[in-house]
């Protein structure tokens, strides 16, 4: 489980594309996390569900989708 900021940092460290001047990809990542059933949000603080510091993780029912990378 990772926060959105941690996911973005990983992508920038792993793939050169994400280190460029184009930053629109950040919105794409956020959009896909929130709309794709493969990902679930885990509240860090249940009293703040709108907070930007929540965790994201793979939906256990969708892990097979990522089994081969």
Protein backbone atom coordinates (compact mmCIF):
# COMPACT_ATOMS: atom_id res chain seq x y z
CA UNK A 1 0.00 0.00 0.00
CA UNK A 2 1.28 3.41 -0.99
CA UNK A 3 0.13 7.00 -0.93
CA UNK A 4 -0.39 8.82 -4.21
CA UNK A 5 2.82 10.78 -3.56
CA UNK A 6 4.75 7.52 -3.05
CA UNK A 7 3.32 6.06 -6.27
CA UNK A 8 4.36 9.18 -8.18
CA UNK A 9 7.86 9.05 -6.66
CA UNK A 10 8.20 5.39 -7.66
CA UNK A 11 7.16 6.13 -11.24
CA UNK A 12 9.64 9.01 -11.50
CA UNK A 13 12.44 6.84 -10.14
CA UNK A 14 11.67 3.85 -12.35
CA UNK A 15 10.70 5.40 -15.71
CA UNK A 16 12.51 8.36 -17.35
CA UNK A 17 9.30 9.59 -19.03
CA UNK A 18 7.88 10.63 -15.67
CA UNK A 19 10.92 12.81 -14.92
CA UNK A 20 10.31 15.15 -17.87
CA UNK A 21 8.68 18.54 -17.91
CA UNK A 22 5.21 17.14 -18.69
CA UNK A 23 3.33 16.69 -15.41
CA UNK A 24 -0.14 15.83 -16.73
CA UNK A 25 0.58 12.19 -16.02
CA UNK A 26 0.02 12.86 -12.31
CA UNK A 27 -3.67 13.56 -12.94
CA UNK A 28 -3.88 10.41 -15.07
CA UNK A 29 -2.47 8.30 -12.24
CA UNK A 30 -4.90 9.81 -9.72
CA UNK A 31 -7.81 9.37 -12.14
CA UNK A 32 -6.99 5.71 -12.80
CA UNK A 33 -6.56 4.89 -9.14
CA UNK A 34 -9.93 6.34 -8.26
CA UNK A 35 -11.93 4.91 -11.18
CA UNK A 36 -10.35 1.50 -11.76
CA UNK A 37 -11.79 -1.38 -9.70
CA UNK A 38 -8.31 -2.92 -9.52
CA UNK A 39 -7.35 -0.36 -6.88
CA UNK A 40 -8.87 0.39 -3.49
CA UNK A 41 -8.37 3.38 -1.23
CA UNK A 42 -7.43 2.62 2.35
CA UNK A 43 -8.21 5.50 4.68
CA UNK A 44 -5.26 6.55 6.79
CA UNK A 45 -7.60 8.54 9.04
CA UNK A 46 -11.30 7.54 8.82
CA UNK A 47 -12.34 11.02 9.95
CA UNK A 48 -10.71 12.50 6.81
CA UNK A 49 -11.84 10.40 3.79
CA UNK A 50 -11.14 13.35 1.48
CA UNK A 51 -7.52 13.64 2.63
CA UNK A 52 -4.74 13.35 0.08
CA UNK A 53 -2.64 11.17 2.35
CA UNK A 54 -4.75 8.03 2.04
CA UNK A 55 -3.21 4.77 0.90
CA UNK A 56 -3.90 2.95 -2.36
CA UNK A 57 -3.49 -0.78 -2.81
CA UNK A 58 -4.37 -3.50 -5.27
CA UNK A 59 -7.84 -4.92 -4.83
CA UNK A 60 -7.21 -8.49 -3.60
CA UNK A 61 -9.82 -9.71 -6.10
CA UNK A 62 -7.79 -8.21 -8.96
CA UNK A 63 -4.28 -9.40 -8.06
CA UNK A 64 -4.39 -12.02 -10.83
CA UNK A 65 -4.48 -9.14 -13.34
CA UNK A 66 -0.96 -8.16 -12.32
CA UNK A 67 0.49 -11.65 -11.78
CA UNK A 68 2.71 -11.50 -14.87
CA UNK A 69 3.80 -7.90 -14.38
